[in-house]
Amino acid sequence: MEGGELFNVIVEQGKLEEDGPGGAREYFKQLVSGLAYCHNNGVCHRDLKPENLLLDDHGILKIPTSACPHARLARGRGGRARRRGR
């Protein structure tokens, strides 16, 4: 796998198999884990779709937030103010 968007993988393969490497279950678990990490750090993505989910060269799902205008930081735990988007 050469990386790219999850959307392109879905277009090329049609529907994803449920289990196995590169399967829907694997991507879903990675997505939930990544979102938990983002939310625990005060980041809210707001524009999740296959076109905005990237895969690295090893098929690991990446949730890009630094270039996403819809990602924003909220007030963190302990009341620390963080950067907010729009």
N, C-alpha and C. Protein backbone atom coordinates (compact mmCIF):
# COMPACT_ATOMS: atom_id res chain seq x y z
N MET A 1 0.85 -1.18 0.00
CA MET A 1 0.00 0.00 0.00
C MET A 1 0.89 1.24 0.00
N GLU A 2 0.50 2.23 -0.74
CA GLU A 2 1.32 3.44 -0.87
C GLU A 2 0.77 4.63 -0.11
N GLY A 3 -0.24 4.45 0.69
CA GLY A 3 -0.81 5.56 1.41
C GLY A 3 -1.87 6.27 0.58
N GLY A 4 -2.27 7.45 1.00
CA GLY A 4 -3.30 8.20 0.30
C GLY A 4 -4.55 8.32 1.15
N GLU A 5 -5.66 8.58 0.49
CA GLU A 5 -6.93 8.76 1.18
C GLU A 5 -7.67 7.43 1.33
N LEU A 6 -8.36 7.27 2.43
CA LEU A 6 -9.20 6.10 2.62
C LEU A 6 -10.26 6.04 1.53
N PHE A 7 -10.72 7.17 1.08
CA PHE A 7 -11.73 7.24 0.02
C PHE A 7 -11.26 6.49 -1.24
N ASN A 8 -10.00 6.68 -1.63
CA ASN A 8 -9.48 6.03 -2.82
C ASN A 8 -9.45 4.51 -2.66
N VAL A 9 -9.16 4.04 -1.46
CA VAL A 9 -9.15 2.60 -1.19
C VAL A 9 -10.57 2.05 -1.37
N ILE A 10 -11.55 2.77 -0.86
CA ILE A 10 -12.94 2.33 -0.97
C ILE A 10 -13.38 2.32 -2.43
N VAL A 11 -13.00 3.34 -3.19
CA VAL A 11 -13.37 3.40 -4.61
C VAL A 11 -12.74 2.24 -5.37
N GLU A 12 -11.46 1.96 -5.11
CA GLU A 12 -10.76 0.89 -5.82
C GLU A 12 -11.29 -0.49 -5.46
N GLN A 13 -11.60 -0.73 -4.19
CA GLN A 13 -12.01 -2.06 -3.73
C GLN A 13 -13.52 -2.26 -3.71
N GLY A 14 -14.27 -1.20 -3.87
CA GLY A 14 -15.70 -1.31 -3.62
C GLY A 14 -15.90 -1.33 -2.13
N LYS A 15 -16.78 -2.16 -1.63
CA LYS A 15 -16.95 -2.20 -0.18
C LYS A 15 -15.76 -2.93 0.44
N LEU A 16 -15.43 -2.54 1.66
CA LEU A 16 -14.33 -3.16 2.38
C LEU A 16 -14.81 -4.44 3.04
N GLU A 17 -13.95 -5.44 3.07
CA GLU A 17 -14.25 -6.65 3.84
C GLU A 17 -14.32 -6.26 5.31
N GLU A 18 -15.09 -7.00 6.08
CA GLU A 18 -15.25 -6.63 7.49
C GLU A 18 -13.97 -6.90 8.29
N ASP A 19 -13.37 -8.07 8.11
CA ASP A 19 -12.21 -8.47 8.90
C ASP A 19 -10.96 -8.55 8.03
N GLY A 20 -9.83 -8.71 8.71
CA GLY A 20 -8.56 -8.89 8.02
C GLY A 20 -7.83 -7.58 7.83
N PRO A 21 -6.58 -7.68 7.36
CA PRO A 21 -5.79 -6.46 7.11
C PRO A 21 -6.45 -5.58 6.06
N GLY A 22 -6.54 -4.31 6.34
CA GLY A 22 -7.19 -3.39 5.41
C GLY A 22 -8.69 -3.53 5.40
N GLY A 23 -9.24 -4.18 6.43
CA GLY A 23 -10.68 -4.37 6.52
C GLY A 23 -11.36 -3.25 7.28
N ALA A 24 -12.67 -3.19 7.14
CA ALA A 24 -13.46 -2.13 7.77
C ALA A 24 -13.29 -2.11 9.29
N ARG A 25 -13.24 -3.28 9.90
CA ARG A 25 -13.11 -3.34 11.37
C ARG A 25 -11.78 -2.73 11.82
N GLU A 26 -10.72 -3.02 11.10
CA GLU A 26 -9.40 -2.47 11.44
C GLU A 26 -9.39 -0.95 11.34
N TYR A 27 -9.93 -0.42 10.24
CA TYR A 27 -9.98 1.04 10.08
C TYR A 27 -10.87 1.68 11.12
N PHE A 28 -11.99 1.03 11.45
CA PHE A 28 -12.90 1.58 12.45
C PHE A 28 -12.23 1.67 13.82
N LYS A 29 -11.52 0.61 14.21
CA LYS A 29 -10.82 0.63 15.50
C LYS A 29 -9.76 1.73 15.52
N GLN A 30 -9.04 1.91 14.42
CA GLN A 30 -8.03 2.97 14.35
C GLN A 30 -8.69 4.34 14.42
N LEU A 31 -9.85 4.50 13.76
CA LEU A 31 -10.56 5.77 13.77
C LEU A 31 -11.04 6.11 15.18
N VAL A 32 -11.63 5.15 15.87
CA VAL A 32 -12.12 5.39 17.24
C VAL A 32 -10.96 5.73 18.16
N SER A 33 -9.85 5.02 18.03
CA SER A 33 -8.67 5.30 18.85
C SER A 33 -8.13 6.71 18.57
N GLY A 34 -8.05 7.07 17.30
CA GLY A 34 -7.55 8.40 16.93
C GLY A 34 -8.47 9.52 17.41
N LEU A 35 -9.78 9.30 17.31
CA LEU A 35 -10.73 10.31 17.79
C LEU A 35 -10.67 10.46 19.30
N ALA A 36 -10.50 9.35 20.00
CA ALA A 36 -10.37 9.43 21.46
C ALA A 36 -9.14 10.26 21.82
N TYR A 37 -8.04 10.04 21.11
CA TYR A 37 -6.83 10.82 21.35
C TYR A 37 -7.09 12.31 21.09
N CYS A 38 -7.71 12.61 19.96
CA CYS A 38 -8.01 14.02 19.64
C CYS A 38 -8.89 14.65 20.71
N HIS A 39 -9.97 13.98 21.08
CA HIS A 39 -10.90 14.54 22.04
C HIS A 39 -10.26 14.70 23.42
N ASN A 40 -9.40 13.76 23.81
CA ASN A 40 -8.70 13.88 25.09
C ASN A 40 -7.73 15.05 25.11
N ASN A 41 -7.35 15.52 23.92
CA ASN A 41 -6.45 16.67 23.82
C ASN A 41 -7.18 17.93 23.36
N GLY A 42 -8.51 17.92 23.45
CA GLY A 42 -9.31 19.11 23.16
C GLY A 42 -9.49 19.42 21.69
N VAL A 43 -9.27 18.46 20.82
CA VAL A 43 -9.41 18.71 19.39
C VAL A 43 -10.71 18.09 18.89
N CYS A 44 -11.50 18.90 18.20
CA CYS A 44 -12.75 18.45 17.60
C CYS A 44 -12.62 18.61 16.09
N HIS A 45 -12.74 17.54 15.33
CA HIS A 45 -12.46 17.59 13.88
C HIS A 45 -13.60 18.21 13.09
N ARG A 46 -14.83 17.78 13.26
CA ARG A 46 -16.04 18.31 12.63
C ARG A 46 -16.19 18.05 11.14
N ASP A 47 -15.26 17.40 10.48
CA ASP A 47 -15.42 17.13 9.05
C ASP A 47 -14.85 15.76 8.70
N LEU A 48 -15.29 14.74 9.44
CA LEU A 48 -14.78 13.40 9.19
C LEU A 48 -15.51 12.76 8.02
N LYS A 49 -14.77 12.34 7.05
CA LYS A 49 -15.28 11.61 5.90
C LYS A 49 -14.09 10.91 5.27
N PRO A 50 -14.31 9.88 4.48
CA PRO A 50 -13.19 9.12 3.92
C PRO A 50 -12.17 9.98 3.16
N GLU A 51 -12.62 11.05 2.54
CA GLU A 51 -11.70 11.94 1.82
C GLU A 51 -10.73 12.64 2.75
N ASN A 52 -11.09 12.79 4.02
CA ASN A 52 -10.25 13.48 4.99
C ASN A 52 -9.49 12.53 5.91
N LEU A 53 -9.57 11.24 5.65
CA LEU A 53 -8.83 10.26 6.44
C LEU A 53 -7.72 9.70 5.56
N LEU A 54 -6.50 9.79 6.04
CA LEU A 54 -5.34 9.39 5.26
C LEU A 54 -4.79 8.06 5.74
N LEU A 55 -4.10 7.37 4.86
CA LEU A 55 -3.41 6.14 5.20
C LEU A 55 -1.92 6.33 4.95
N ASP A 56 -1.09 5.85 5.88
CA ASP A 56 0.35 5.94 5.64
C ASP A 56 0.78 4.75 4.77
N ASP A 57 2.08 4.62 4.55
CA ASP A 57 2.60 3.56 3.68
C ASP A 57 2.35 2.16 4.22
N HIS A 58 1.99 2.06 5.50
CA HIS A 58 1.75 0.76 6.13
C HIS A 58 0.26 0.49 6.34
N GLY A 59 -0.59 1.37 5.81
CA GLY A 59 -2.03 1.19 5.95
C GLY A 59 -2.59 1.65 7.28
N ILE A 60 -1.83 2.45 8.02
CA ILE A 60 -2.29 2.98 9.31
C ILE A 60 -3.08 4.26 9.05
N LEU A 61 -4.28 4.32 9.62
CA LEU A 61 -5.17 5.46 9.43
C LEU A 61 -4.63 6.69 10.16
N LYS A 62 -4.68 7.83 9.49
CA LYS A 62 -4.25 9.11 10.07
C LYS A 62 -5.41 10.10 9.97
N ILE A 63 -5.61 10.86 11.04
CA ILE A 63 -6.65 11.89 11.06
C ILE A 63 -5.95 13.24 11.05
N PRO A 64 -5.83 13.87 9.88
CA PRO A 64 -5.12 15.15 9.84
C PRO A 64 -5.98 16.26 10.43
N THR A 65 -5.41 17.00 11.36
CA THR A 65 -6.14 18.13 11.95
C THR A 65 -5.41 19.44 11.75
N SER A 66 -4.12 19.42 11.53
CA SER A 66 -3.36 20.67 11.45
C SER A 66 -3.75 21.50 10.24
N ALA A 67 -4.13 20.88 9.14
CA ALA A 67 -4.48 21.63 7.93
C ALA A 67 -5.99 21.73 7.76
N CYS A 68 -6.75 21.24 8.72
CA CYS A 68 -8.21 21.23 8.59
C CYS A 68 -8.80 22.47 9.24
N PRO A 69 -9.46 23.31 8.45
CA PRO A 69 -10.02 24.53 9.04
C PRO A 69 -11.16 24.25 10.00
N HIS A 70 -11.71 23.04 9.96
CA HIS A 70 -12.83 22.71 10.84
C HIS A 70 -12.37 22.12 12.16
N ALA A 71 -11.08 21.77 12.28
CA ALA A 71 -10.56 21.26 13.54
C ALA A 71 -10.40 22.43 14.50
N ARG A 72 -10.72 22.22 15.73
CA ARG A 72 -10.56 23.31 16.69
C ARG A 72 -10.26 22.76 18.06
N LEU A 73 -9.61 23.57 18.84
CA LEU A 73 -9.28 23.19 20.20
C LEU A 73 -10.30 23.82 21.14
N ALA A 74 -10.66 23.08 22.13
CA ALA A 74 -11.63 23.56 23.11
C ALA A 74 -10.93 23.75 24.45
N ARG A 75 -11.68 24.16 25.43
CA ARG A 75 -11.12 24.32 26.77
C ARG A 75 -10.75 22.94 27.28
N GLY A 76 -9.49 22.79 27.65
CA GLY A 76 -9.00 21.49 28.10
C GLY A 76 -9.39 21.18 29.52
N ARG A 77 -9.03 20.01 29.94
CA ARG A 77 -9.27 19.61 31.32
C ARG A 77 -8.47 20.51 32.24
N GLY A 78 -9.02 20.83 33.37
CA GLY A 78 -8.34 21.72 34.30
C GLY A 78 -8.59 23.18 33.97
N GLY A 79 -9.45 23.46 32.96
CA GLY A 79 -9.81 24.82 32.63
C GLY A 79 -8.81 25.59 31.80
N ARG A 80 -7.75 24.91 31.33
CA ARG A 80 -6.77 25.63 30.52
C ARG A 80 -7.40 26.04 29.20
N ALA A 81 -7.24 27.29 28.84
CA ALA A 81 -7.76 27.77 27.55
C ALA A 81 -6.84 27.31 26.43
N ARG A 82 -7.44 26.89 25.36
CA ARG A 82 -6.69 26.46 24.19
C ARG A 82 -7.21 27.21 22.99
N ARG A 83 -6.43 27.21 21.92
CA ARG A 83 -6.81 27.90 20.69
C ARG A 83 -8.15 27.36 20.18
N ARG A 84 -9.00 28.27 19.76
CA ARG A 84 -10.28 27.87 19.20
C ARG A 84 -10.35 28.33 17.76
N GLY A 85 -10.98 27.52 16.94
CA GLY A 85 -11.20 27.88 15.53
C GLY A 85 -12.38 28.80 15.40
N ARG A 86 -12.95 28.84 14.25
CA ARG A 86 -14.08 29.69 13.90
C ARG A 86 -15.02 29.97 15.01
